[in-house]
C-alpha atoms as a PDB file:
ATOM      1  CA  MET A   1      33.054  32.422  -0.283  1.00  0.00           C
ATOM      2  CA  VAL A   2      30.525  33.268   2.412  1.00  0.00           C
ATOM      3  CA  TYR A   3      28.018  34.238  -0.282  1.00  0.00           C
ATOM      4  CA  LEU A   4      28.419  30.863  -2.021  1.00  0.00           C
ATOM      5  CA  TRP A   5      27.973  29.042   1.293  1.00  0.00           C
ATOM      6  CA  ILE A   6      24.750  30.979   1.981  1.00  0.00           C
ATOM      7  CA  LEU A   7      23.426  30.106  -1.471  1.00  0.00           C
ATOM      8  CA  TYR A   8      24.246  26.420  -0.929  1.00  0.00           C
ATOM      9  CA  TYR A   9      22.615  26.423   2.525  1.00  0.00           C
ATOM     10  CA  ASN A  10      19.457  28.096   1.198  1.00  0.00           C
ATOM     11  CA  ARG A  11      19.258  25.604  -1.646  1.00  0.00           C
ATOM     12  CA  ILE A  12      19.401  22.668   0.777  1.00  0.00           C
ATOM     13  CA  LYS A  13      16.795  24.326   3.007  1.00  0.00           C
ATOM     14  CA  ILE A  14      14.427  24.889   0.076  1.00  0.00           C
ATOM     15  CA  LYS A  15      14.770  21.244  -0.981  1.00  0.00           C
ATOM     16  CA  ALA A  16      13.972  20.109   2.563  1.00  0.00           C
ATOM     17  CA  ILE A  17      10.866  22.318   2.704  1.00  0.00           C
ATOM     18  CA  LYS A  18       9.719  21.064  -0.698  1.00  0.00           C
ATOM     19  CA  LYS A  19      10.258  17.468   0.430  1.00  0.00           C
ATOM     20  CA  ASN A  20       8.164  17.977   3.595  1.00  0.00           C
ATOM     21  CA  VAL A  21       5.373  19.605   1.574  1.00  0.00           C
ATOM     22  CA  MET A  22       5.329  16.636  -0.807  1.00  0.00           C
ATOM     23  CA  LYS A  23       5.150  14.199   2.127  1.00  0.00           C
ATOM     24  CA  LEU A  24       2.251  16.131   3.636  1.00  0.00           C
ATOM     25  CA  GLY A  25       0.489  16.055   0.272  1.00  0.00           C
ATOM     26  CA  CYS A  26       0.843  12.268   0.057  1.00  0.00           C
ATOM     27  CA  ILE A  27      -0.533  11.832   3.581  1.00  0.00           C
ATOM     28  CA  ARG A  28      -3.528  14.033   2.732  1.00  0.00           C
ATOM     29  CA  LEU A  29      -4.090  12.074  -0.469  1.00  0.00           C
ATOM     30  CA  CYS A  30      -4.048   8.808   1.488  1.00  0.00           C
ATOM     31  CA  PHE A  31      -6.644  10.024   3.995  1.00  0.00           C
ATOM     32  CA  PHE A  32      -8.785  11.491   1.210  1.00  0.00           C
ATOM     33  CA  CYS A  33      -8.839   8.189  -0.689  1.00  0.00           C
ATOM     34  CA  ILE A  34      -9.704   6.230   2.461  1.00  0.00           C
ATOM     35  CA  LEU A  35     -12.572   8.584   3.292  1.00  0.00           C
ATOM     36  CA  SER A  36     -13.755   8.399  -0.319  1.00  0.00           C
ATOM     37  CA  LEU A  37     -13.973   4.586  -0.147  1.00  0.00           C
ATOM     38  CA  PHE A  38     -16.136   4.731   2.981  1.00  0.00           C
ATOM     39  CA  SER A  39     -18.278   7.520   1.522  1.00  0.00           C
ATOM     40  CA  LEU A  40     -18.816   5.526  -1.667  1.00  0.00           C
ATOM     41  CA  GLN A  41     -19.947   2.489   0.296  1.00  0.00           C
ATOM     42  CA  LYS A  42     -22.313   4.587   2.377  1.00  0.00           C
ATOM     43  CA  ALA A  43     -23.778   6.224  -0.731  1.00  0.00           C
ATOM     44  CA  ILE A  44     -24.358   2.928  -2.541  1.00  0.00           C
ATOM     45  CA  GLY A  45     -25.572   0.848   0.369  1.00  0.00           C
ATOM     46  CA  GLN A  46     -26.743   3.343   2.957  1.00  0.00           C
ATOM     47  CA  ASP A  47     -29.794   1.320   3.930  1.00  0.00           C
ATOM     48  CA  SER A  48     -28.132  -2.067   3.871  1.00  0.00           C
ATOM     49  CA  ILE A  49     -24.854  -1.805   5.794  1.00  0.00           C
ATOM     50  CA  SER A  50     -24.601  -4.803   8.099  1.00  0.00           C
ATOM     51  CA  LYS A  51     -22.280  -6.335  10.617  1.00  0.00           C
ATOM     52  CA  PRO A  52     -20.263  -9.397   9.500  1.00  0.00           C
ATOM     53  CA  GLN A  53     -22.202 -11.862  11.596  1.00  0.00           C
ATOM     54  CA  ASN A  54     -25.496 -10.798   9.965  1.00  0.00           C
ATOM     55  CA  ILE A  55     -24.428 -11.873   6.460  1.00  0.00           C
ATOM     56  CA  GLN A  56     -25.273 -15.539   6.181  1.00  0.00           C
ATOM     57  CA  GLY A  57     -22.538 -17.721   4.710  1.00  0.00           C
ATOM     58  CA  LEU A  58     -20.163 -14.829   3.986  1.00  0.00           C
ATOM     59  CA  CYS A  59     -16.555 -15.398   5.057  1.00  0.00           C
ATOM     60  CA  LYS A  60     -15.067 -12.619   7.184  1.00  0.00           C
ATOM     61  CA  ASN A  61     -11.364 -13.446   6.929  1.00  0.00           C
ATOM     62  CA  ALA A  62      -8.769 -14.161   4.281  1.00  0.00           C
ATOM     63  CA  ILE A  63      -5.085 -15.008   4.087  1.00  0.00           C
ATOM     64  CA  TYR A  64      -2.975 -14.782   0.941  1.00  0.00           C
ATOM     65  CA  ILE A  65       0.509 -14.280  -0.457  1.00  0.00           C
ATOM     66  CA  GLU A  66       1.203 -11.466  -2.886  1.00  0.00           C
ATOM     67  CA  GLY A  67       3.960 -11.105  -5.428  1.00  0.00           C
ATOM     68  CA  GLY A  68       4.780  -7.475  -6.123  1.00  0.00           C
ATOM     69  CA  GLY A  69       2.024  -5.156  -4.942  1.00  0.00           C
ATOM     70  CA  ASN A  70       2.189  -3.190  -1.703  1.00  0.00           C
ATOM     71  CA  ALA A  71       5.349  -4.799  -0.332  1.00  0.00           C
ATOM     72  CA  VAL A  72       7.230  -4.328  -3.641  1.00  0.00           C
ATOM     73  CA  THR A  73       8.486  -7.924  -3.974  1.00  0.00           C
ATOM     74  CA  ASN A  74       6.487 -10.349  -1.789  1.00  0.00           C
ATOM     75  CA  SER A  75       4.297 -10.464   1.322  1.00  0.00           C
ATOM     76  CA  LEU A  76       2.108 -12.675   3.500  1.00  0.00           C
ATOM     77  CA  ASN A  77      -1.198 -10.998   4.362  1.00  0.00           C
ATOM     78  CA  TYR A  78      -4.258 -11.272   6.598  1.00  0.00           C
ATOM     79  CA  GLU A  79      -7.517  -9.565   5.654  1.00  0.00           C
ATOM     80  CA  ARG A  80     -10.656  -8.841   7.679  1.00  0.00           C
ATOM     81  CA  ASN A  81     -13.982  -7.579   6.370  1.00  0.00           C
ATOM     82  CA  LEU A  82     -15.147  -4.411   8.125  1.00  0.00           C
ATOM     83  CA  LEU A  83     -18.288  -3.050   6.431  1.00  0.00           C
ATOM     84  CA  TYR A  84     -20.984  -4.662   4.291  1.00  0.00           C
ATOM     85  CA  SER A  85     -23.650  -3.408   1.938  1.00  0.00           C
ATOM     86  CA  LYS A  86     -25.640  -4.931  -0.918  1.00  0.00           C
ATOM     87  CA  ASN A  87     -23.011  -4.056  -3.514  1.00  0.00           C
ATOM     88  CA  ILE A  88     -19.754  -3.333  -1.690  1.00  0.00           C
ATOM     89  CA  ILE A  89     -17.595  -4.886   1.018  1.00  0.00           C
ATOM     90  CA  THR A  90     -14.779  -2.909   2.652  1.00  0.00           C
ATOM     91  CA  ASN A  91     -11.894  -4.732   4.325  1.00  0.00           C
ATOM     92  CA  LEU A  92      -8.620  -4.056   6.103  1.00  0.00           C
ATOM     93  CA  ARG A  93      -5.430  -5.817   5.037  1.00  0.00           C
ATOM     94  CA  LEU A  94      -2.304  -6.228   7.199  1.00  0.00           C
ATOM     95  CA  GLY A  95       0.811  -7.940   5.950  1.00  0.00           C
ATOM     96  CA  PHE A  96       4.524  -8.579   6.272  1.00  0.00           C
ATOM     97  CA  GLY A  97       7.093  -8.628   3.497  1.00  0.00           C
ATOM     98  CA  MET A  98      10.871  -8.884   3.133  1.00  0.00           C
ATOM     99  CA  ASP A  99      13.054  -7.357   0.431  1.00  0.00           C
ATOM    100  CA  PHE A 100      16.167  -9.500   0.206  1.00  0.00           C
ATOM    101  CA  PHE A 101      17.933  -8.375  -2.931  1.00  0.00           C
ATOM    102  CA  ARG A 102      17.313  -4.751  -3.832  1.00  0.00           C
ATOM    103  CA  ILE A 103      19.825  -3.322  -1.368  1.00  0.00           C
ATOM    104  CA  LYS A 104      23.105  -5.216  -1.341  1.00  0.00           C
ATOM    105  CA  SER A 105      23.864  -7.254   1.805  1.00  0.00           C
ATOM    106  CA  SER A 106      20.742  -5.976   3.532  1.00  0.00           C
ATOM    107  CA  VAL A 107      17.257  -7.150   4.433  1.00  0.00           C
ATOM    108  CA  VAL A 108      14.404  -4.637   4.351  1.00  0.00           C
ATOM    109  CA  PRO A 109      11.200  -5.525   6.295  1.00  0.00           C
ATOM    110  CA  LEU A 110       7.944  -4.026   5.002  1.00  0.00           C
ATOM    111  CA  LEU A 111       4.479  -3.862   6.636  1.00  0.00           C
ATOM    112  CA  PRO A 112       1.738  -3.301   4.032  1.00  0.00           C
ATOM    113  CA  ILE A 113      -1.467  -1.779   5.433  1.00  0.00           C
ATOM    114  CA  GLU A 114      -4.400  -1.294   3.079  1.00  0.00           C
ATOM    115  CA  ILE A 115      -8.122  -0.568   2.936  1.00  0.00           C
ATOM    116  CA  ASN A 116      -9.929  -2.167  -0.016  1.00  0.00           C
ATOM    117  CA  SER A 117     -13.463  -2.178  -1.376  1.00  0.00           C
ATOM    118  CA  LEU A 118     -14.953  -4.977  -3.501  1.00  0.00           C
ATOM    119  CA  THR A 119     -17.910  -4.455  -5.818  1.00  0.00           C
ATOM    120  CA  ASN A 120     -20.525  -6.803  -7.293  1.00  0.00           C
ATOM    121  CA  MET A 121     -21.003  -9.113  -4.310  1.00  0.00           C
ATOM    122  CA  ASN A 122     -23.686 -11.138  -6.128  1.00  0.00           C
ATOM    123  CA  CYS A 123     -21.086 -13.123  -8.092  1.00  0.00           C
ATOM    124  CA  ASN A 124     -17.528 -14.425  -7.781  1.00  0.00           C
ATOM    125  CA  HIS A 125     -15.830 -11.775  -9.947  1.00  0.00           C
ATOM    126  CA  HIS A 126     -15.134  -8.367  -8.406  1.00  0.00           C
ATOM    127  CA  LEU A 127     -13.644  -4.985  -9.122  1.00  0.00           C
ATOM    128  CA  GLU A 128     -11.246  -4.143  -6.292  1.00  0.00           C
ATOM    129  CA  CYS A 129     -10.095  -0.633  -5.380  1.00  0.00           C
ATOM    130  CA  GLY A 130      -7.957   0.404  -2.454  1.00  0.00           C
ATOM    131  CA  ILE A 131      -5.420   2.715  -0.875  1.00  0.00           C
ATOM    132  CA  GLY A 132      -2.588   1.743   1.419  1.00  0.00           C
ATOM    133  CA  ILE A 133       0.630   2.709   3.121  1.00  0.00           C
ATOM    134  CA  THR A 134       3.654   0.435   3.512  1.00  0.00           C
ATOM    135  CA  PRO A 135       6.135   1.365   6.251  1.00  0.00           C
ATOM    136  CA  TYR A 136       9.585  -0.148   5.810  1.00  0.00           C
ATOM    137  CA  TYR A 137      12.779  -0.107   7.854  1.00  0.00           C
ATOM    138  CA  SER A 138      15.770   0.777   5.716  1.00  0.00           C
ATOM    139  CA  PRO A 139      19.149   2.536   5.957  1.00  0.00           C
ATOM    140  CA  VAL A 140      18.278   4.682   2.922  1.00  0.00           C
ATOM    141  CA  GLU A 141      15.285   6.901   2.207  1.00  0.00           C
ATOM    142  CA  GLU A 142      14.563   5.553  -1.246  1.00  0.00           C
ATOM    143  CA  SER A 143      11.983   2.877  -1.791  1.00  0.00           C
ATOM    144  CA  PRO A 144      13.331  -0.683  -1.972  1.00  0.00           C
ATOM    145  CA  ALA A 145      11.447  -0.807  -5.281  1.00  0.00           C
ATOM    146  CA  PHE A 146      14.566   0.329  -7.086  1.00  0.00           C
ATOM    147  CA  PRO A 147      18.217  -0.806  -6.807  1.00  0.00           C
ATOM    148  CA  ILE A 148      19.513   2.767  -6.442  1.00  0.00           C
ATOM    149  CA  TYR A 149      22.128   1.800  -3.863  1.00  0.00           C
ATOM    150  CA  GLU A 150      23.260  -1.586  -5.179  1.00  0.00           C
ATOM    151  CA  ASN A 151      26.946  -0.625  -4.939  1.00  0.00           C
ATOM    152  CA  LEU A 152      26.703   1.492  -1.788  1.00  0.00           C
ATOM    153  CA  ASP A 153      28.323   0.354   1.460  1.00  0.00           C
ATOM    154  CA  ILE A 154      25.457   0.714   3.927  1.00  0.00           C
ATOM    155  CA  SER A 155      27.126  -1.048   6.852  1.00  0.00           C
ATOM    156  CA  ASN A 156      27.705   2.273   8.659  1.00  0.00           C
ATOM    157  CA  LEU A 157      24.326   3.822   7.856  1.00  0.00           C
ATOM    158  CA  LYS A 158      21.578   3.932  10.474  1.00  0.00           C
ATOM    159  CA  SER A 159      18.236   2.353   9.511  1.00  0.00           C
ATOM    160  CA  LYS A 160      15.022   4.310   9.946  1.00  0.00           C
ATOM    161  CA  VAL A 161      11.335   4.035   9.140  1.00  0.00           C
ATOM    162  CA  ASN A 162      10.182   5.213   5.704  1.00  0.00           C
ATOM    163  CA  ALA A 163       6.898   4.607   3.876  1.00  0.00           C
ATOM    164  CA  LEU A 164       5.352   3.913   0.479  1.00  0.00           C
ATOM    165  CA  LEU A 165       1.928   5.136  -0.629  1.00  0.00           C
ATOM    166  CA  VAL A 166       0.158   2.532  -2.780  1.00  0.00           C
ATOM    167  CA  VAL A 167      -3.051   2.773  -4.815  1.00  0.00           C
ATOM    168  CA  ARG A 168      -4.849  -0.356  -6.070  1.00  0.00           C
ATOM    169  CA  ILE A 169      -7.293  -1.057  -8.884  1.00  0.00           C
ATOM    170  CA  GLY A 170      -7.761  -4.550 -10.213  1.00  0.00           C
ATOM    171  CA  TYR A 171      -9.661  -7.827 -10.531  1.00  0.00           C
ATOM    172  CA  ARG A 172     -10.461 -10.221  -7.698  1.00  0.00           C
ATOM    173  CA  TYR A 173     -11.925 -13.719  -7.834  1.00  0.00           C
ATOM    174  CA  GLN A 174     -13.566 -14.720  -4.557  1.00  0.00           C
ATOM    175  CA  LYS A 175     -16.627 -16.698  -3.497  1.00  0.00           C
ATOM    176  CA  LYS A 176     -18.863 -15.690  -0.614  1.00  0.00           C
ATOM    177  CA  THR A 177     -18.190 -19.049   1.026  1.00  0.00           C
ATOM    178  CA  ARG A 178     -14.818 -20.656   1.715  1.00  0.00           C
ATOM    179  CA  GLY A 179     -12.590 -21.002  -1.302  1.00  0.00           C
ATOM    180  CA  TRP A 180      -9.678 -19.651  -3.296  1.00  0.00           C
ATOM    181  CA  ILE A 181      -8.841 -15.986  -3.754  1.00  0.00           C
ATOM    182  CA  ILE A 182      -7.058 -14.704  -6.853  1.00  0.00           C
ATOM    183  CA  ARG A 183      -6.140 -11.031  -7.218  1.00  0.00           C
ATOM    184  CA  VAL A 184      -4.501  -9.210 -10.121  1.00  0.00           C
ATOM    185  CA  ALA A 185      -4.086  -5.446  -9.787  1.00  0.00           C
ATOM    186  CA  TYR A 186      -2.323  -2.337 -10.948  1.00  0.00           C
ATOM    187  CA  THR A 187      -0.592  -0.952  -7.826  1.00  0.00           C
ATOM    188  CA  PRO A 188       1.323   2.263  -8.569  1.00  0.00           C
ATOM    189  CA  ILE A 189       3.669   3.393  -5.807  1.00  0.00           C
ATOM    190  CA  ILE A 190       4.576   6.883  -4.601  1.00  0.00           C
ATOM    191  CA  TYR A 191       7.853   6.804  -2.713  1.00  0.00           C
ATOM    192  CA  ASP A 192      10.310   9.260  -1.211  1.00  0.00           C
ATOM    193  CA  THR A 193      13.709   9.970  -2.699  1.00  0.00           C
ATOM    194  CA  SER A 194      16.401  12.392  -1.595  1.00  0.00           C
ATOM    195  CA  PHE A 195      17.237  13.074  -5.237  1.00  0.00           C
ATOM    196  CA  ASN A 196      14.018  14.708  -6.451  1.00  0.00           C
ATOM    197  CA  GLY A 197      11.352  14.525  -3.741  1.00  0.00           C
ATOM    198  CA  ASN A 198       8.493  12.085  -4.220  1.00  0.00           C
ATOM    199  CA  SER A 199       8.615   9.776  -7.241  1.00  0.00           C
ATOM    200  CA  PHE A 200       6.054   7.607  -9.007  1.00  0.00           C
ATOM    201  CA  CYS A 201       6.545   3.950  -9.924  1.00  0.00           C
ATOM    202  CA  ASN A 202       4.259   1.804 -12.067  1.00  0.00           C
ATOM    203  CA  HIS A 203       3.790  -1.559 -10.381  1.00  0.00           C
ATOM    204  CA  ILE A 204       1.540  -4.629 -10.348  1.00  0.00           C
ATOM    205  CA  GLY A 205       0.521  -7.197  -7.741  1.00  0.00           C
ATOM    206  CA  ILE A 206      -0.658 -10.803  -8.049  1.00  0.00           C
ATOM    207  CA  SER A 207      -2.110 -12.663  -5.044  1.00  0.00           C
ATOM    208  CA  ILE A 208      -3.391 -16.141  -4.258  1.00  0.00           C
ATOM    209  CA  GLY A 209      -4.886 -17.398  -1.027  1.00  0.00           C
ATOM    210  CA  ARG A 210      -8.008 -18.606   0.825  1.00  0.00           C
ATOM    211  CA  ASN A 211     -10.932 -16.999   2.617  1.00  0.00           C
ATOM    212  CA  PHE A 212     -12.492 -18.469   5.755  1.00  0.00           C
END
């Protein structure tokens, strides 16, 4: 009996170690992708990086709503341009989303944070690439992307902060001057699960808004 208990305890401990290693790997991947975006911009436009106020007529801010994407279901977002070059603009996106229906009788707030780079700034059509993390406050570890706990009574469970890792590649319509923004992107999600460590979810995001 003692032997079986030791085996069970060791199995749980190994799963916990594996889970922590996977989390650390996702964090490292996130930082690597962010550094890669900045390195790419520096390599392409090393001699032409400018501050926002030095780009005549170029809007520095944007606000938009997104269906799907980084907040899983929906979000309201603010975006600010950070770095400029001849061919690439890098911006920071901060948002707020609510998941009302994935977990029964519960509301899950999500805070998408993302760094994006836009290419081909000489026209209105852009390739957009980015990496982001979305913290969310939930009584379960699993991503709100899936209705794993639809029939679970979570009234006695304590909520805690979890996070999604989101990668973005897609199309963006945006003028240099004020106007509409339309974004369509493939946004796969890496999320934590107590069943089998980190899991991968194919996902898309569609946004519409204005720059100013």
